[in-house]
């Protein structure tokens, strides 16, 4: 876990051209530390993803159409019309 020092916090405030009071330094240190810890975790996850993606594996499978009788599924719907579910409209047709 990253620990940011008081001096680093003051330096970041200075180069960011923000003035901070003495009582704001400790909370700001915690916040900066949390951001840096999160960034480290993102880098770890990115490197794991990169390792997996470099294995040249084909994770896709071919789509296969399987004939199925829709009646058992459609019969469970509160409303249906032919082989379609009836749902409330969410967009206006204007």
N, C-alpha and C. Protein backbone atom coordinates (compact mmCIF):
# COMPACT_ATOMS: atom_id res chain seq x y z
N UNK A 1 0.84 -1.18 0.00
CA UNK A 1 0.00 0.00 0.00
C UNK A 1 0.88 1.23 0.00
N UNK A 2 0.52 2.18 -0.79
CA UNK A 2 1.29 3.41 -0.93
C UNK A 2 1.05 4.32 0.27
N UNK A 3 2.10 4.89 0.75
CA UNK A 3 1.98 5.89 1.81
C UNK A 3 2.60 7.17 1.28
N UNK A 4 1.83 8.24 1.30
CA UNK A 4 2.32 9.51 0.81
C UNK A 4 2.74 10.36 2.02
N UNK A 5 3.87 11.01 1.89
CA UNK A 5 4.40 11.78 3.02
C UNK A 5 3.80 13.18 3.06
N UNK A 6 4.01 13.81 4.18
CA UNK A 6 3.54 15.19 4.35
C UNK A 6 4.22 16.11 3.33
N UNK A 7 5.52 15.90 3.14
CA UNK A 7 6.27 16.73 2.20
C UNK A 7 5.75 16.56 0.77
N UNK A 8 5.45 15.32 0.39
CA UNK A 8 4.91 15.06 -0.95
C UNK A 8 3.54 15.73 -1.12
N UNK A 9 2.75 15.68 -0.06
CA UNK A 9 1.43 16.31 -0.11
C UNK A 9 1.57 17.82 -0.28
N UNK A 10 2.47 18.41 0.46
CA UNK A 10 2.70 19.85 0.34
C UNK A 10 3.26 20.20 -1.04
N UNK A 11 4.12 19.36 -1.57
CA UNK A 11 4.68 19.60 -2.90
C UNK A 11 3.58 19.53 -3.97
N UNK A 12 2.72 18.53 -3.85
CA UNK A 12 1.61 18.40 -4.81
C UNK A 12 0.70 19.62 -4.72
N UNK A 13 0.41 20.08 -3.51
CA UNK A 13 -0.41 21.28 -3.34
C UNK A 13 0.26 22.49 -3.97
N UNK A 14 1.58 22.58 -3.80
CA UNK A 14 2.31 23.73 -4.34
C UNK A 14 2.30 23.72 -5.87
N UNK A 15 2.60 22.57 -6.49
CA UNK A 15 2.64 22.55 -7.96
C UNK A 15 1.23 22.60 -8.56
N UNK A 16 0.21 22.28 -7.74
CA UNK A 16 -1.18 22.40 -8.19
C UNK A 16 -1.71 23.81 -7.96
N UNK A 17 -0.89 24.63 -7.32
CA UNK A 17 -1.23 26.01 -7.01
C UNK A 17 -2.50 26.12 -6.17
N UNK A 18 -2.56 25.26 -5.16
CA UNK A 18 -3.65 25.37 -4.20
C UNK A 18 -3.06 25.61 -2.82
N UNK A 19 -3.73 26.45 -2.06
CA UNK A 19 -3.25 26.69 -0.70
C UNK A 19 -4.06 25.82 0.25
N UNK A 20 -3.35 25.19 1.16
CA UNK A 20 -4.03 24.34 2.13
C UNK A 20 -3.60 24.77 3.53
N UNK A 21 -4.53 24.65 4.45
CA UNK A 21 -4.26 24.98 5.84
C UNK A 21 -3.70 23.75 6.54
N UNK A 22 -3.10 23.99 7.67
CA UNK A 22 -2.46 22.92 8.44
C UNK A 22 -3.44 21.78 8.76
N UNK A 23 -4.68 22.12 9.09
CA UNK A 23 -5.65 21.10 9.46
C UNK A 23 -6.18 20.32 8.24
N UNK A 24 -5.86 20.75 7.04
CA UNK A 24 -6.30 20.05 5.83
C UNK A 24 -5.26 19.05 5.32
N UNK A 25 -4.07 19.10 5.85
CA UNK A 25 -2.98 18.26 5.34
C UNK A 25 -3.24 16.77 5.59
N UNK A 26 -3.58 16.40 6.81
CA UNK A 26 -3.79 14.98 7.14
C UNK A 26 -4.92 14.35 6.32
N UNK A 27 -6.10 14.99 6.22
CA UNK A 27 -7.15 14.40 5.38
C UNK A 27 -6.74 14.31 3.91
N UNK A 28 -6.02 15.33 3.43
CA UNK A 28 -5.56 15.32 2.05
C UNK A 28 -4.56 14.20 1.80
N UNK A 29 -3.71 13.94 2.79
CA UNK A 29 -2.76 12.82 2.67
C UNK A 29 -3.50 11.50 2.52
N UNK A 30 -4.55 11.31 3.32
CA UNK A 30 -5.34 10.08 3.23
C UNK A 30 -6.01 9.95 1.87
N UNK A 31 -6.55 11.06 1.37
CA UNK A 31 -7.23 11.03 0.08
C UNK A 31 -6.25 10.73 -1.06
N UNK A 32 -5.10 11.37 -1.02
CA UNK A 32 -4.09 11.12 -2.05
C UNK A 32 -3.59 9.68 -1.99
N UNK A 33 -3.43 9.17 -0.78
CA UNK A 33 -3.00 7.79 -0.60
C UNK A 33 -4.04 6.83 -1.17
N UNK A 34 -5.32 7.13 -0.95
CA UNK A 34 -6.39 6.27 -1.48
C UNK A 34 -6.37 6.28 -3.01
N UNK A 35 -6.16 7.44 -3.59
CA UNK A 35 -6.10 7.54 -5.06
C UNK A 35 -4.93 6.74 -5.60
N UNK A 36 -3.77 6.87 -4.98
CA UNK A 36 -2.59 6.14 -5.44
C UNK A 36 -2.75 4.63 -5.25
N UNK A 37 -3.37 4.22 -4.15
CA UNK A 37 -3.61 2.80 -3.92
C UNK A 37 -4.55 2.24 -4.98
N UNK A 38 -5.57 3.01 -5.32
CA UNK A 38 -6.50 2.60 -6.36
C UNK A 38 -5.78 2.48 -7.70
N UNK A 39 -4.92 3.44 -8.01
CA UNK A 39 -4.17 3.40 -9.27
C UNK A 39 -3.26 2.17 -9.32
N UNK A 40 -2.66 1.82 -8.20
CA UNK A 40 -1.82 0.62 -8.15
C UNK A 40 -2.65 -0.63 -8.43
N UNK A 41 -3.84 -0.67 -7.86
CA UNK A 41 -4.72 -1.84 -8.06
C UNK A 41 -5.15 -1.93 -9.52
N UNK A 42 -5.44 -0.80 -10.13
CA UNK A 42 -5.82 -0.79 -11.55
C UNK A 42 -4.67 -1.31 -12.40
N UNK A 43 -3.44 -0.92 -12.07
CA UNK A 43 -2.27 -1.41 -12.81
C UNK A 43 -2.13 -2.92 -12.66
N UNK A 44 -2.39 -3.44 -11.45
CA UNK A 44 -2.30 -4.89 -11.23
C UNK A 44 -3.32 -5.63 -12.08
N UNK A 45 -4.55 -5.14 -12.07
CA UNK A 45 -5.61 -5.78 -12.84
C UNK A 45 -5.30 -5.69 -14.33
N UNK A 46 -4.81 -4.56 -14.79
CA UNK A 46 -4.47 -4.39 -16.20
C UNK A 46 -3.37 -5.37 -16.61
N UNK A 47 -2.41 -5.60 -15.74
CA UNK A 47 -1.34 -6.53 -16.09
C UNK A 47 -1.87 -7.97 -16.12
N UNK A 48 -2.84 -8.28 -15.24
CA UNK A 48 -3.44 -9.63 -15.28
C UNK A 48 -4.23 -9.83 -16.56
N UNK A 49 -4.96 -8.81 -16.98
CA UNK A 49 -5.74 -8.89 -18.22
C UNK A 49 -4.79 -9.04 -19.40
N UNK A 50 -3.70 -8.31 -19.37
CA UNK A 50 -2.72 -8.38 -20.45
C UNK A 50 -2.13 -9.78 -20.55
N UNK A 51 -1.84 -10.39 -19.40
CA UNK A 51 -1.29 -11.75 -19.39
C UNK A 51 -2.27 -12.73 -20.01
N UNK A 52 -3.54 -12.62 -19.65
CA UNK A 52 -4.56 -13.53 -20.18
C UNK A 52 -4.75 -13.31 -21.67
N UNK A 53 -4.76 -12.05 -22.09
CA UNK A 53 -5.00 -11.77 -23.51
C UNK A 53 -3.81 -12.15 -24.39
N UNK A 54 -2.65 -12.30 -23.80
CA UNK A 54 -1.47 -12.66 -24.59
C UNK A 54 -1.34 -14.16 -24.82
N UNK A 55 -2.27 -14.95 -24.34
CA UNK A 55 -2.18 -16.40 -24.48
C UNK A 55 -2.75 -16.90 -25.80
N UNK A 56 -3.23 -16.00 -26.64
CA UNK A 56 -3.74 -16.36 -27.97
C UNK A 56 -4.78 -17.47 -27.92
N UNK A 57 -5.69 -17.36 -26.98
CA UNK A 57 -6.75 -18.34 -26.88
C UNK A 57 -7.99 -17.80 -27.59
N UNK A 58 -8.67 -18.65 -28.27
CA UNK A 58 -9.93 -18.27 -28.89
C UNK A 58 -11.03 -18.59 -27.88
N UNK A 59 -11.54 -17.56 -27.23
CA UNK A 59 -12.55 -17.79 -26.21
C UNK A 59 -13.96 -17.74 -26.79
N UNK A 60 -14.06 -17.48 -28.07
CA UNK A 60 -15.36 -17.42 -28.71
C UNK A 60 -15.76 -18.80 -29.20
N UNK A 61 -17.02 -19.06 -29.15
CA UNK A 61 -17.51 -20.31 -29.70
C UNK A 61 -18.48 -19.98 -30.81
N UNK A 62 -18.68 -20.91 -31.65
CA UNK A 62 -19.57 -20.70 -32.78
C UNK A 62 -21.02 -20.69 -32.30
N UNK A 63 -21.81 -19.77 -32.82
CA UNK A 63 -23.23 -19.74 -32.49
C UNK A 63 -23.93 -20.91 -33.15
N UNK A 64 -24.77 -21.55 -32.40
CA UNK A 64 -25.52 -22.70 -32.91
C UNK A 64 -27.00 -22.43 -32.69
N UNK A 65 -27.77 -22.52 -33.75
CA UNK A 65 -29.21 -22.33 -33.65
C UNK A 65 -29.84 -23.68 -33.31
N UNK A 66 -30.64 -23.67 -32.25
CA UNK A 66 -31.30 -24.89 -31.82
C UNK A 66 -32.80 -24.66 -31.89
N UNK A 67 -33.50 -25.47 -32.64
CA UNK A 67 -34.96 -25.35 -32.75
C UNK A 67 -35.58 -25.71 -31.41
N UNK A 68 -36.44 -24.84 -30.91
CA UNK A 68 -37.08 -25.07 -29.63
C UNK A 68 -38.55 -24.68 -29.74
N UNK A 69 -39.38 -25.36 -29.01
CA UNK A 69 -40.80 -25.02 -28.96
C UNK A 69 -40.97 -23.85 -27.99
N UNK A 70 -41.40 -22.67 -28.46
CA UNK A 70 -41.51 -21.50 -27.57
C UNK A 70 -42.72 -21.55 -26.64
N UNK A 71 -43.66 -22.45 -26.87
CA UNK A 71 -44.90 -22.48 -26.09
C UNK A 71 -44.68 -22.57 -24.59
N UNK A 72 -43.81 -23.45 -24.07
CA UNK A 72 -43.64 -23.52 -22.61
C UNK A 72 -43.12 -22.23 -22.00
N UNK A 73 -42.28 -21.53 -22.72
CA UNK A 73 -41.73 -20.28 -22.20
C UNK A 73 -42.76 -19.16 -22.29
N UNK A 74 -43.40 -19.03 -23.45
CA UNK A 74 -44.39 -17.99 -23.67
C UNK A 74 -45.57 -18.16 -22.70
N UNK A 75 -45.92 -19.38 -22.39
CA UNK A 75 -47.07 -19.61 -21.51
C UNK A 75 -46.83 -19.07 -20.10
N UNK A 76 -45.60 -18.85 -19.71
CA UNK A 76 -45.28 -18.33 -18.39
C UNK A 76 -45.36 -16.80 -18.32
N UNK A 77 -45.44 -16.13 -19.47
CA UNK A 77 -45.46 -14.68 -19.50
C UNK A 77 -46.83 -14.16 -19.05
N UNK A 78 -46.85 -13.05 -18.33
CA UNK A 78 -48.13 -12.48 -17.92
C UNK A 78 -48.98 -12.07 -19.13
N UNK A 79 -48.32 -11.55 -20.16
CA UNK A 79 -49.01 -11.18 -21.40
C UNK A 79 -48.17 -11.63 -22.58
N UNK A 80 -48.84 -12.14 -23.59
CA UNK A 80 -48.12 -12.51 -24.80
C UNK A 80 -49.05 -12.41 -25.99
N UNK A 81 -48.43 -12.27 -27.14
CA UNK A 81 -49.18 -12.18 -28.38
C UNK A 81 -48.42 -13.02 -29.40
N UNK A 82 -49.04 -14.08 -29.87
CA UNK A 82 -48.39 -15.06 -30.76
C UNK A 82 -47.15 -15.59 -30.04
N UNK A 83 -45.98 -15.44 -30.65
CA UNK A 83 -44.74 -15.94 -30.03
C UNK A 83 -43.91 -14.81 -29.43
N UNK A 84 -44.57 -13.71 -29.00
CA UNK A 84 -43.85 -12.56 -28.48
C UNK A 84 -44.35 -12.18 -27.09
N UNK A 85 -43.46 -11.69 -26.26
CA UNK A 85 -43.84 -11.16 -24.95
C UNK A 85 -44.41 -9.77 -25.16
N UNK A 86 -45.42 -9.41 -24.40
CA UNK A 86 -45.98 -8.06 -24.43
C UNK A 86 -45.46 -7.34 -23.19
N UNK A 87 -44.80 -6.20 -23.44
CA UNK A 87 -44.24 -5.42 -22.34
C UNK A 87 -44.72 -3.97 -22.46
N UNK A 88 -44.68 -3.22 -21.38
CA UNK A 88 -45.10 -1.81 -21.45
C UNK A 88 -44.16 -1.01 -22.36
N UNK A 89 -44.72 -0.06 -23.08
CA UNK A 89 -43.92 0.80 -23.96
C UNK A 89 -43.07 1.74 -23.11
N UNK A 90 -41.82 1.92 -23.50
CA UNK A 90 -40.95 2.83 -22.75
C UNK A 90 -40.55 4.03 -23.57
N UNK A 91 -40.83 4.02 -24.86
CA UNK A 91 -40.50 5.14 -25.75
C UNK A 91 -41.78 5.65 -26.40
N UNK A 92 -41.84 6.95 -26.58
CA UNK A 92 -42.98 7.54 -27.28
C UNK A 92 -42.75 7.44 -28.77
N UNK A 93 -43.80 7.20 -29.51
CA UNK A 93 -43.70 7.15 -30.98
C UNK A 93 -44.11 8.48 -31.55
N UNK A 94 -43.33 9.51 -31.32
CA UNK A 94 -43.67 10.85 -31.82
C UNK A 94 -42.87 11.19 -33.05
